[in-house]
């Protein structure tokens, strides 16, 4: 879906444009990041596009389901997404200064607002850093392999405390610096 900024400003100056569409961004997302995005269901987008002072304001509610790899085992995990975003589109880079620092302001080039790209961009931003399958969430077992294993932080601290032995040759050096704590 693409819109002309000039047409939107002209046609929707007094009346907002409401939309309820299904957008297919699977090809875009999998071509951008095939490792992180395995599959994407069609995306339902509902929103309102309004014009204020020659700028376009886009309010969107988005629902879809992604298939992404587990960050622990790489098994495919279904990740439902349901979120909103707001973006401002301006025709002139100087207009960016009129907005707050945390507003998403996009300078439109060639008079074209690529709505499908905005949807894909915002979906990528919503993928969490850690994604686990239901089995991984419910299991207390952590990954392991030959000669290695993942341990919890509290287990690491206990392991460090057990193995903390001071070399007798270095114990005398500690007496030279009585005001310093032992941070090792």
N, C-alpha and C. Protein backbone atom coordinates (compact mmCIF):
# COMPACT_ATOMS: atom_id res chain seq x y z
N UNK A 1 0.84 -1.18 0.00
CA UNK A 1 0.00 0.00 0.00
C UNK A 1 0.88 1.24 0.00
N UNK A 2 0.64 2.10 -0.93
CA UNK A 2 1.38 3.36 -1.01
C UNK A 2 0.38 4.50 -1.18
N UNK A 3 0.75 5.63 -0.59
CA UNK A 3 -0.07 6.83 -0.70
C UNK A 3 0.80 7.99 -1.13
N UNK A 4 0.20 8.94 -1.79
CA UNK A 4 0.89 10.18 -2.14
C UNK A 4 0.66 11.17 -1.01
N UNK A 5 1.75 11.74 -0.49
CA UNK A 5 1.64 12.72 0.59
C UNK A 5 0.81 13.92 0.16
N UNK A 6 1.05 14.43 -1.04
CA UNK A 6 0.31 15.60 -1.52
C UNK A 6 -1.18 15.30 -1.65
N UNK A 7 -1.51 14.10 -2.16
CA UNK A 7 -2.92 13.72 -2.30
C UNK A 7 -3.60 13.59 -0.94
N UNK A 8 -2.90 13.00 0.01
CA UNK A 8 -3.47 12.86 1.35
C UNK A 8 -3.72 14.21 2.00
N UNK A 9 -2.76 15.10 1.88
CA UNK A 9 -2.91 16.44 2.47
C UNK A 9 -4.08 17.17 1.81
N UNK A 10 -4.21 17.03 0.51
CA UNK A 10 -5.29 17.70 -0.22
C UNK A 10 -6.65 17.07 0.08
N UNK A 11 -6.75 15.75 0.06
CA UNK A 11 -8.04 15.08 0.16
C UNK A 11 -8.53 14.85 1.59
N UNK A 12 -7.64 14.86 2.56
CA UNK A 12 -8.05 14.53 3.93
C UNK A 12 -7.71 15.63 4.93
N UNK A 13 -7.69 16.84 4.42
CA UNK A 13 -7.39 17.99 5.28
C UNK A 13 -8.48 18.16 6.35
N UNK A 14 -9.73 17.89 5.98
CA UNK A 14 -10.85 18.13 6.90
C UNK A 14 -11.47 16.84 7.42
N UNK A 15 -11.21 15.74 6.77
CA UNK A 15 -11.81 14.48 7.20
C UNK A 15 -10.76 13.37 7.17
N UNK A 16 -10.53 12.72 8.33
CA UNK A 16 -9.51 11.67 8.39
C UNK A 16 -9.88 10.46 7.52
N UNK A 17 -8.88 9.74 7.11
CA UNK A 17 -9.05 8.51 6.35
C UNK A 17 -8.97 7.34 7.33
N UNK A 18 -10.07 6.59 7.43
CA UNK A 18 -10.07 5.39 8.28
C UNK A 18 -9.89 4.18 7.39
N UNK A 19 -9.13 3.20 7.88
CA UNK A 19 -8.89 2.00 7.09
C UNK A 19 -8.86 0.77 7.97
N UNK A 20 -9.23 -0.34 7.37
CA UNK A 20 -9.19 -1.66 7.99
C UNK A 20 -8.81 -2.61 6.87
N UNK A 21 -7.54 -2.95 6.80
CA UNK A 21 -7.00 -3.70 5.66
C UNK A 21 -6.22 -4.92 6.14
N UNK A 22 -6.01 -5.83 5.22
CA UNK A 22 -5.10 -6.95 5.44
C UNK A 22 -3.92 -6.75 4.50
N UNK A 23 -2.73 -6.76 5.08
CA UNK A 23 -1.50 -6.49 4.33
C UNK A 23 -0.63 -7.73 4.38
N UNK A 24 -0.06 -8.10 3.26
CA UNK A 24 0.86 -9.24 3.20
C UNK A 24 2.29 -8.70 3.13
N UNK A 25 3.03 -8.87 4.21
CA UNK A 25 4.41 -8.40 4.27
C UNK A 25 5.40 -9.55 4.41
N UNK A 26 4.93 -10.77 4.15
CA UNK A 26 5.77 -11.96 4.32
C UNK A 26 7.03 -11.89 3.46
N UNK A 27 6.88 -11.58 2.19
CA UNK A 27 8.04 -11.54 1.29
C UNK A 27 9.04 -10.48 1.75
N UNK A 28 8.54 -9.33 2.17
CA UNK A 28 9.41 -8.25 2.63
C UNK A 28 10.18 -8.67 3.88
N UNK A 29 9.47 -9.20 4.88
CA UNK A 29 10.12 -9.56 6.14
C UNK A 29 11.10 -10.72 5.98
N UNK A 30 10.72 -11.74 5.23
CA UNK A 30 11.63 -12.88 5.09
C UNK A 30 12.83 -12.54 4.21
N UNK A 31 12.66 -11.60 3.29
CA UNK A 31 13.83 -11.20 2.49
C UNK A 31 14.77 -10.32 3.30
N UNK A 32 14.23 -9.53 4.21
CA UNK A 32 15.07 -8.67 5.05
C UNK A 32 15.82 -9.45 6.11
N UNK A 33 15.13 -10.41 6.74
CA UNK A 33 15.72 -11.12 7.86
C UNK A 33 15.19 -12.55 7.92
N UNK A 34 15.65 -13.39 7.00
CA UNK A 34 15.18 -14.77 6.91
C UNK A 34 15.60 -15.60 8.11
N UNK A 35 16.63 -15.19 8.83
CA UNK A 35 17.07 -15.93 10.00
C UNK A 35 16.14 -15.67 11.18
N UNK A 36 15.67 -14.44 11.34
CA UNK A 36 14.84 -14.08 12.48
C UNK A 36 13.35 -14.28 12.21
N UNK A 37 12.91 -14.18 10.97
CA UNK A 37 11.50 -14.32 10.63
C UNK A 37 11.35 -15.50 9.68
N UNK A 38 10.71 -16.57 10.17
CA UNK A 38 10.53 -17.77 9.35
C UNK A 38 9.23 -17.70 8.54
N UNK A 39 8.19 -17.10 9.14
CA UNK A 39 6.89 -17.02 8.47
C UNK A 39 6.10 -15.88 9.08
N UNK A 40 5.16 -15.33 8.30
CA UNK A 40 4.31 -14.24 8.77
C UNK A 40 2.90 -14.47 8.24
N UNK A 41 1.93 -14.46 9.13
CA UNK A 41 0.53 -14.52 8.70
C UNK A 41 0.16 -13.18 8.10
N UNK A 42 -0.93 -13.13 7.30
CA UNK A 42 -1.39 -11.82 6.82
C UNK A 42 -1.64 -10.89 8.01
N UNK A 43 -1.33 -9.62 7.83
CA UNK A 43 -1.38 -8.65 8.92
C UNK A 43 -2.67 -7.83 8.82
N UNK A 44 -3.43 -7.81 9.90
CA UNK A 44 -4.62 -6.97 9.95
C UNK A 44 -4.22 -5.61 10.50
N UNK A 45 -4.46 -4.56 9.73
CA UNK A 45 -4.13 -3.21 10.17
C UNK A 45 -5.39 -2.36 10.15
N UNK A 46 -5.67 -1.74 11.28
CA UNK A 46 -6.77 -0.80 11.41
C UNK A 46 -6.16 0.51 11.82
N UNK A 47 -6.68 1.59 11.29
CA UNK A 47 -6.11 2.85 11.69
C UNK A 47 -6.82 4.05 11.15
N UNK A 48 -6.23 5.18 11.51
CA UNK A 48 -6.74 6.48 11.08
C UNK A 48 -5.55 7.28 10.60
N UNK A 49 -5.74 7.92 9.47
CA UNK A 49 -4.74 8.80 8.91
C UNK A 49 -5.35 10.19 8.89
N UNK A 50 -4.69 11.12 9.54
CA UNK A 50 -5.21 12.48 9.57
C UNK A 50 -4.13 13.46 9.14
N UNK A 51 -4.57 14.65 8.78
CA UNK A 51 -3.66 15.70 8.31
C UNK A 51 -3.74 16.86 9.28
N UNK A 52 -2.56 17.34 9.69
CA UNK A 52 -2.49 18.48 10.59
C UNK A 52 -1.31 19.36 10.16
N UNK A 53 -1.59 20.59 9.81
CA UNK A 53 -0.56 21.56 9.39
C UNK A 53 0.30 21.04 8.23
N UNK A 54 -0.33 20.32 7.32
CA UNK A 54 0.38 19.82 6.16
C UNK A 54 1.17 18.54 6.41
N UNK A 55 1.08 17.99 7.62
CA UNK A 55 1.77 16.75 7.97
C UNK A 55 0.74 15.64 8.11
N UNK A 56 1.13 14.44 7.79
CA UNK A 56 0.24 13.28 7.92
C UNK A 56 0.58 12.55 9.21
N UNK A 57 -0.47 12.25 9.99
CA UNK A 57 -0.32 11.51 11.24
C UNK A 57 -1.02 10.17 11.04
N UNK A 58 -0.31 9.10 11.31
CA UNK A 58 -0.82 7.76 11.08
C UNK A 58 -0.90 7.03 12.42
N UNK A 59 -2.13 6.64 12.81
CA UNK A 59 -2.37 5.85 14.02
C UNK A 59 -2.77 4.46 13.57
N UNK A 60 -2.05 3.44 13.99
CA UNK A 60 -2.30 2.08 13.49
C UNK A 60 -2.37 1.08 14.63
N UNK A 61 -3.33 0.15 14.52
CA UNK A 61 -3.41 -1.02 15.41
C UNK A 61 -3.14 -2.22 14.51
N UNK A 62 -2.20 -3.07 14.89
CA UNK A 62 -1.72 -4.15 14.04
C UNK A 62 -1.85 -5.48 14.76
N UNK A 63 -2.35 -6.49 14.06
CA UNK A 63 -2.45 -7.85 14.61
C UNK A 63 -1.95 -8.84 13.57
N UNK A 64 -1.08 -9.76 14.02
CA UNK A 64 -0.59 -10.82 13.15
C UNK A 64 0.05 -11.89 14.01
N UNK A 65 0.56 -12.91 13.35
CA UNK A 65 1.31 -13.95 14.04
C UNK A 65 2.56 -14.26 13.22
N UNK A 66 3.69 -14.24 13.90
CA UNK A 66 4.97 -14.57 13.27
C UNK A 66 5.39 -15.97 13.68
N UNK A 67 6.22 -16.57 12.87
CA UNK A 67 6.93 -17.77 13.28
C UNK A 67 8.40 -17.38 13.30
N UNK A 68 8.98 -17.48 14.49
CA UNK A 68 10.38 -17.09 14.69
C UNK A 68 11.12 -18.25 15.37
N UNK A 69 12.43 -18.32 15.24
CA UNK A 69 13.17 -19.39 15.90
C UNK A 69 13.34 -19.10 17.40
N UNK A 70 13.30 -20.16 18.18
CA UNK A 70 13.60 -20.03 19.60
C UNK A 70 15.04 -19.55 19.73
N UNK A 71 15.27 -18.65 20.66
CA UNK A 71 16.63 -18.15 20.86
C UNK A 71 17.49 -19.16 21.60
N UNK A 72 16.88 -20.22 22.09
CA UNK A 72 17.64 -21.24 22.80
C UNK A 72 17.92 -22.46 21.92
N UNK A 73 16.90 -22.93 21.19
CA UNK A 73 17.05 -24.18 20.45
C UNK A 73 16.84 -24.04 18.94
N UNK A 74 16.43 -22.87 18.49
CA UNK A 74 16.13 -22.59 17.09
C UNK A 74 14.89 -23.31 16.57
N UNK A 75 14.12 -23.95 17.44
CA UNK A 75 12.86 -24.56 16.99
C UNK A 75 11.87 -23.45 16.69
N UNK A 76 11.02 -23.62 15.66
CA UNK A 76 10.05 -22.58 15.31
C UNK A 76 9.04 -22.34 16.44
N UNK A 77 8.76 -21.06 16.70
CA UNK A 77 7.84 -20.66 17.75
C UNK A 77 6.84 -19.68 17.15
N UNK A 78 5.55 -19.89 17.44
CA UNK A 78 4.50 -18.96 16.99
C UNK A 78 4.49 -17.77 17.96
N UNK A 79 4.57 -16.58 17.42
CA UNK A 79 4.63 -15.37 18.23
C UNK A 79 3.49 -14.44 17.81
N UNK A 80 2.41 -14.39 18.60
CA UNK A 80 1.31 -13.48 18.25
C UNK A 80 1.71 -12.03 18.56
N UNK A 81 1.37 -11.13 17.66
CA UNK A 81 1.64 -9.71 17.86
C UNK A 81 0.34 -8.93 17.77
N UNK A 82 0.15 -8.03 18.70
CA UNK A 82 -1.02 -7.15 18.73
C UNK A 82 -0.53 -5.85 19.39
N UNK A 83 -0.27 -4.83 18.57
CA UNK A 83 0.29 -3.59 19.10
C UNK A 83 -0.15 -2.41 18.26
N UNK A 84 0.11 -1.23 18.78
CA UNK A 84 -0.22 0.01 18.08
C UNK A 84 1.05 0.81 17.85
N UNK A 85 1.01 1.65 16.82
CA UNK A 85 2.10 2.59 16.61
C UNK A 85 1.57 3.86 15.96
N UNK A 86 2.31 4.93 16.15
CA UNK A 86 1.98 6.23 15.58
C UNK A 86 3.21 6.75 14.86
N UNK A 87 3.00 7.26 13.65
CA UNK A 87 4.09 7.84 12.89
C UNK A 87 3.63 9.14 12.26
N UNK A 88 4.56 10.05 12.11
CA UNK A 88 4.30 11.34 11.48
C UNK A 88 5.09 11.38 10.17
N UNK A 89 4.44 11.83 9.11
CA UNK A 89 5.09 11.94 7.81
C UNK A 89 5.11 13.41 7.40
N UNK A 90 6.30 13.88 7.04
CA UNK A 90 6.46 15.28 6.65
C UNK A 90 7.13 15.33 5.28
N UNK A 91 6.87 16.40 4.55
CA UNK A 91 7.44 16.55 3.22
C UNK A 91 8.76 17.27 3.21
N UNK A 92 9.11 17.91 4.33
CA UNK A 92 10.32 18.73 4.39
C UNK A 92 11.12 18.37 5.65
N UNK A 93 12.40 18.14 5.49
CA UNK A 93 13.25 17.76 6.62
C UNK A 93 13.27 18.82 7.72
N UNK A 94 13.08 20.08 7.36
CA UNK A 94 13.08 21.16 8.36
C UNK A 94 11.90 21.03 9.32
N UNK A 95 10.82 20.37 8.89
CA UNK A 95 9.63 20.22 9.73
C UNK A 95 9.84 19.25 10.89
N UNK A 96 10.89 18.47 10.85
CA UNK A 96 11.16 17.49 11.90
C UNK A 96 11.33 18.18 13.25
N UNK A 97 11.86 19.38 13.26
CA UNK A 97 12.10 20.11 14.51
C UNK A 97 10.83 20.47 15.26
N UNK A 98 9.67 20.39 14.61
CA UNK A 98 8.40 20.74 15.24
C UNK A 98 7.88 19.63 16.16
N UNK A 99 8.49 18.48 16.11
CA UNK A 99 7.99 17.33 16.85
C UNK A 99 8.84 17.03 18.08
N UNK A 100 8.29 16.22 18.97
CA UNK A 100 9.00 15.81 20.17
C UNK A 100 10.11 14.83 19.79
N UNK A 101 11.11 14.70 20.66
CA UNK A 101 12.23 13.81 20.39
C UNK A 101 11.82 12.35 20.24
N UNK A 102 10.82 11.91 21.02
CA UNK A 102 10.43 10.50 20.97
C UNK A 102 9.37 10.19 19.92
N UNK A 103 8.93 11.19 19.15
CA UNK A 103 7.99 10.95 18.05
C UNK A 103 8.74 10.32 16.88
N UNK A 104 8.06 9.43 16.19
CA UNK A 104 8.63 8.83 14.99
C UNK A 104 8.22 9.70 13.81
N UNK A 105 9.18 10.43 13.27
CA UNK A 105 8.92 11.36 12.17
C UNK A 105 9.70 10.89 10.95
N UNK A 106 8.99 10.71 9.86
CA UNK A 106 9.60 10.22 8.63
C UNK A 106 9.49 11.29 7.55
N UNK A 107 10.61 11.63 6.97
CA UNK A 107 10.63 12.59 5.87
C UNK A 107 10.32 11.81 4.59
N UNK A 108 9.25 12.19 3.92
CA UNK A 108 8.79 11.50 2.72
C UNK A 108 9.60 11.95 1.52
N UNK A 109 10.17 10.98 0.83
CA UNK A 109 10.92 11.28 -0.39
C UNK A 109 10.07 10.87 -1.59
N UNK A 110 10.15 11.62 -2.65
CA UNK A 110 9.42 11.34 -3.89
C UNK A 110 7.91 11.30 -3.68
N UNK A 111 7.40 11.98 -2.64
CA UNK A 111 5.97 12.12 -2.38
C UNK A 111 5.24 10.80 -2.12
N UNK A 112 5.96 9.72 -1.75
CA UNK A 112 5.32 8.42 -1.57
C UNK A 112 5.49 7.93 -0.14
N UNK A 113 4.35 7.61 0.51
CA UNK A 113 4.36 6.98 1.82
C UNK A 113 4.14 5.49 1.58
N UNK A 114 5.15 4.68 1.89
CA UNK A 114 5.06 3.24 1.70
C UNK A 114 4.55 2.62 3.01
N UNK A 115 3.23 2.43 3.09
CA UNK A 115 2.60 1.94 4.31
C UNK A 115 3.02 0.50 4.61
N UNK A 116 3.18 -0.34 3.60
CA UNK A 116 3.58 -1.73 3.82
C UNK A 116 4.96 -1.80 4.46
N UNK A 117 5.86 -0.91 4.06
CA UNK A 117 7.20 -0.87 4.65
C UNK A 117 7.11 -0.44 6.12
N UNK A 118 6.23 0.51 6.42
CA UNK A 118 6.05 0.95 7.81
C UNK A 118 5.53 -0.20 8.67
N UNK A 119 4.62 -0.99 8.13
CA UNK A 119 4.09 -2.14 8.86
C UNK A 119 5.21 -3.15 9.12
N UNK A 120 5.98 -3.48 8.09
CA UNK A 120 7.08 -4.44 8.23
C UNK A 120 8.13 -3.94 9.23
N UNK A 121 8.48 -2.65 9.15
CA UNK A 121 9.47 -2.08 10.07
C UNK A 121 9.01 -2.22 11.52
N UNK A 122 7.75 -1.91 11.77
CA UNK A 122 7.24 -1.96 13.14
C UNK A 122 7.09 -3.39 13.64
N UNK A 123 6.82 -4.34 12.77
CA UNK A 123 6.79 -5.75 13.17
C UNK A 123 8.18 -6.19 13.61
N UNK A 124 9.20 -5.86 12.84
CA UNK A 124 10.56 -6.23 13.22
C UNK A 124 10.96 -5.65 14.57
N UNK A 125 10.49 -4.44 14.86
CA UNK A 125 10.82 -3.81 16.14
C UNK A 125 10.14 -4.50 17.32
N UNK A 126 9.08 -5.26 17.06
CA UNK A 126 8.33 -5.90 18.14
C UNK A 126 8.84 -7.30 18.50
N UNK A 127 9.76 -7.84 17.74
CA UNK A 127 10.27 -9.18 18.04
C UNK A 127 11.16 -9.09 19.28
N UNK A 128 10.81 -9.84 20.33
CA UNK A 128 11.60 -9.74 21.57
C UNK A 128 13.00 -10.34 21.41
N UNK A 129 13.90 -9.93 22.30
CA UNK A 129 15.27 -10.43 22.28
C UNK A 129 15.33 -11.92 22.61
N UNK A 130 14.42 -12.38 23.49
CA UNK A 130 14.40 -13.78 23.86
C UNK A 130 13.05 -14.37 23.52
N UNK A 131 13.05 -15.43 22.72
CA UNK A 131 11.84 -16.14 22.34
C UNK A 131 12.07 -17.61 22.69
N UNK A 132 11.17 -18.17 23.51
CA UNK A 132 11.29 -19.56 23.91
C UNK A 132 10.02 -20.31 23.56
N UNK A 133 10.15 -21.59 23.24
CA UNK A 133 8.98 -22.43 22.98
C UNK A 133 8.30 -22.70 24.33
N UNK A 134 7.05 -23.17 24.28
CA UNK A 134 6.34 -23.49 25.53
C UNK A 134 7.10 -24.55 26.32
N UNK A 135 7.68 -25.51 25.63
CA UNK A 135 8.44 -26.57 26.30
C UNK A 135 9.66 -25.99 27.03
N UNK A 136 10.34 -25.04 26.40
CA UNK A 136 11.52 -24.43 27.01
C UNK A 136 11.15 -23.56 28.20
N UNK A 137 10.01 -22.90 28.13
CA UNK A 137 9.55 -22.06 29.24
C UNK A 137 9.20 -22.92 30.45
N UNK A 138 8.56 -24.06 30.20
CA UNK A 138 8.09 -24.92 31.29
C UNK A 138 9.15 -25.88 31.81
N UNK A 139 10.28 -26.00 31.14
CA UNK A 139 11.33 -26.91 31.55
C UNK A 139 12.40 -26.15 32.33
N UNK A 140 12.93 -26.80 33.35
CA UNK A 140 14.02 -26.17 34.10
C UNK A 140 15.37 -26.58 33.54
N UNK A 141 15.37 -27.47 32.55
CA UNK A 141 16.61 -27.96 31.96
C UNK A 141 17.17 -26.91 31.00
N UNK A 142 18.44 -26.61 31.15
CA UNK A 142 19.12 -25.66 30.28
C UNK A 142 19.96 -26.42 29.25
N UNK A 143 20.29 -25.79 28.15
CA UNK A 143 21.06 -26.48 27.11
C UNK A 143 22.44 -26.92 27.61
N UNK A 144 22.89 -28.01 27.00
CA UNK A 144 24.23 -28.51 27.33
C UNK A 144 24.75 -29.30 26.14
N UNK A 145 26.02 -29.53 26.14
CA UNK A 145 26.65 -30.28 25.06
C UNK A 145 27.88 -30.97 25.59
N UNK A 146 28.66 -31.58 24.69
CA UNK A 146 29.88 -32.24 25.15
C UNK A 146 30.85 -31.21 25.73
N UNK A 147 31.23 -31.40 26.95
CA UNK A 147 32.20 -30.54 27.64
C UNK A 147 31.72 -29.13 27.95
N UNK A 148 30.41 -28.87 27.88
CA UNK A 148 29.89 -27.55 28.25
C UNK A 148 28.45 -27.68 28.72
N UNK A 149 28.04 -26.71 29.54
CA UNK A 149 26.64 -26.63 29.98
C UNK A 149 26.34 -25.19 30.39
N UNK A 150 25.08 -24.82 30.27
CA UNK A 150 24.65 -23.50 30.72
C UNK A 150 24.18 -23.65 32.16
N UNK A 151 24.65 -22.76 33.03
CA UNK A 151 24.21 -22.80 34.43
C UNK A 151 23.62 -21.45 34.80
N UNK A 152 22.76 -21.48 35.81
CA UNK A 152 22.12 -20.26 36.29
C UNK A 152 23.14 -19.44 37.08
N UNK A 153 22.86 -18.14 37.20
CA UNK A 153 23.79 -17.23 37.86
C UNK A 153 24.03 -17.61 39.32
N UNK A 154 22.97 -18.02 40.03
CA UNK A 154 23.15 -18.41 41.44
C UNK A 154 24.02 -19.66 41.57
N UNK A 155 23.92 -20.57 40.59
CA UNK A 155 24.78 -21.75 40.59
C UNK A 155 26.23 -21.35 40.33
N UNK A 156 26.44 -20.36 39.48
CA UNK A 156 27.78 -19.87 39.19
C UNK A 156 28.42 -19.27 40.45
N UNK A 157 27.66 -18.47 41.18
CA UNK A 157 28.18 -17.85 42.41
C UNK A 157 28.54 -18.93 43.43
N UNK A 158 27.68 -19.95 43.56
CA UNK A 158 27.97 -21.04 44.50
C UNK A 158 29.22 -21.79 44.07
N UNK A 159 29.36 -22.01 42.78
CA UNK A 159 30.54 -22.70 42.23
C UNK A 159 31.81 -21.88 42.50
N UNK A 160 31.72 -20.57 42.32
CA UNK A 160 32.88 -19.71 42.58
C UNK A 160 33.27 -19.77 44.06
N UNK A 161 32.26 -19.75 44.95
CA UNK A 161 32.54 -19.77 46.38
C UNK A 161 33.20 -21.08 46.79
N UNK A 162 32.76 -22.19 46.19
CA UNK A 162 33.35 -23.49 46.51
C UNK A 162 34.81 -23.57 46.07
N UNK A 163 35.09 -23.00 44.93
CA UNK A 163 36.42 -23.12 44.35
C UNK A 163 37.35 -21.97 44.70
N UNK A 164 36.94 -21.15 45.63
CA UNK A 164 37.76 -19.98 45.97
C UNK A 164 38.82 -20.40 46.99
N UNK A 165 39.98 -20.60 46.49
CA UNK A 165 41.11 -20.94 47.35
C UNK A 165 42.22 -19.94 47.06
N UNK A 166 42.84 -19.48 48.11
CA UNK A 166 43.93 -18.53 47.96
C UNK A 166 45.24 -19.30 47.92
N UNK A 167 46.03 -18.98 46.94
CA UNK A 167 47.36 -19.57 46.83
C UNK A 167 48.15 -19.13 48.07
N UNK A 168 48.68 -20.09 48.85
CA UNK A 168 49.39 -19.72 50.09
C UNK A 168 50.56 -18.77 49.84
N UNK A 169 51.15 -18.84 48.67
CA UNK A 169 52.28 -17.95 48.36
C UNK A 169 51.80 -16.50 48.22
N UNK A 170 50.52 -16.32 47.84
CA UNK A 170 49.99 -14.96 47.65
C UNK A 170 49.26 -14.44 48.89
N UNK A 171 48.98 -15.30 49.86
CA UNK A 171 48.25 -14.89 51.05
C UNK A 171 48.99 -13.80 51.82
N UNK A 172 50.29 -13.86 51.85
CA UNK A 172 51.09 -12.85 52.56
C UNK A 172 50.97 -11.48 51.91
N UNK A 173 50.75 -11.44 50.58
CA UNK A 173 50.62 -10.16 49.90
C UNK A 173 49.39 -9.38 50.36
N UNK A 174 48.37 -10.11 50.77
CA UNK A 174 47.15 -9.46 51.23
C UNK A 174 47.41 -8.58 52.46
N UNK A 175 48.36 -8.98 53.27
CA UNK A 175 48.70 -8.21 54.47
C UNK A 175 49.32 -6.86 54.11
N UNK A 176 49.91 -6.74 52.93
CA UNK A 176 50.53 -5.49 52.51
C UNK A 176 49.49 -4.41 52.17
N UNK A 177 48.27 -4.82 51.83
CA UNK A 177 47.21 -3.89 51.46
C UNK A 177 45.96 -4.14 52.30
N UNK A 178 46.00 -3.83 53.60
CA UNK A 178 44.88 -4.18 54.49
C UNK A 178 43.61 -3.35 54.20
N UNK A 179 43.74 -2.18 53.56
CA UNK A 179 42.57 -1.33 53.33
C UNK A 179 41.82 -1.70 52.05
N UNK A 180 42.30 -2.63 51.28
CA UNK A 180 41.62 -3.03 50.03
C UNK A 180 40.83 -4.29 50.25
N UNK A 181 39.60 -4.30 49.64
CA UNK A 181 38.74 -5.48 49.77
C UNK A 181 39.20 -6.54 48.78
N UNK A 182 38.82 -7.76 49.09
CA UNK A 182 39.10 -8.87 48.19
C UNK A 182 37.93 -9.00 47.21
N UNK A 183 38.10 -8.58 45.98
CA UNK A 183 37.02 -8.59 44.97
C UNK A 183 37.16 -9.76 44.01
N UNK A 184 37.99 -10.69 44.29
CA UNK A 184 38.22 -11.79 43.34
C UNK A 184 37.34 -12.95 43.63
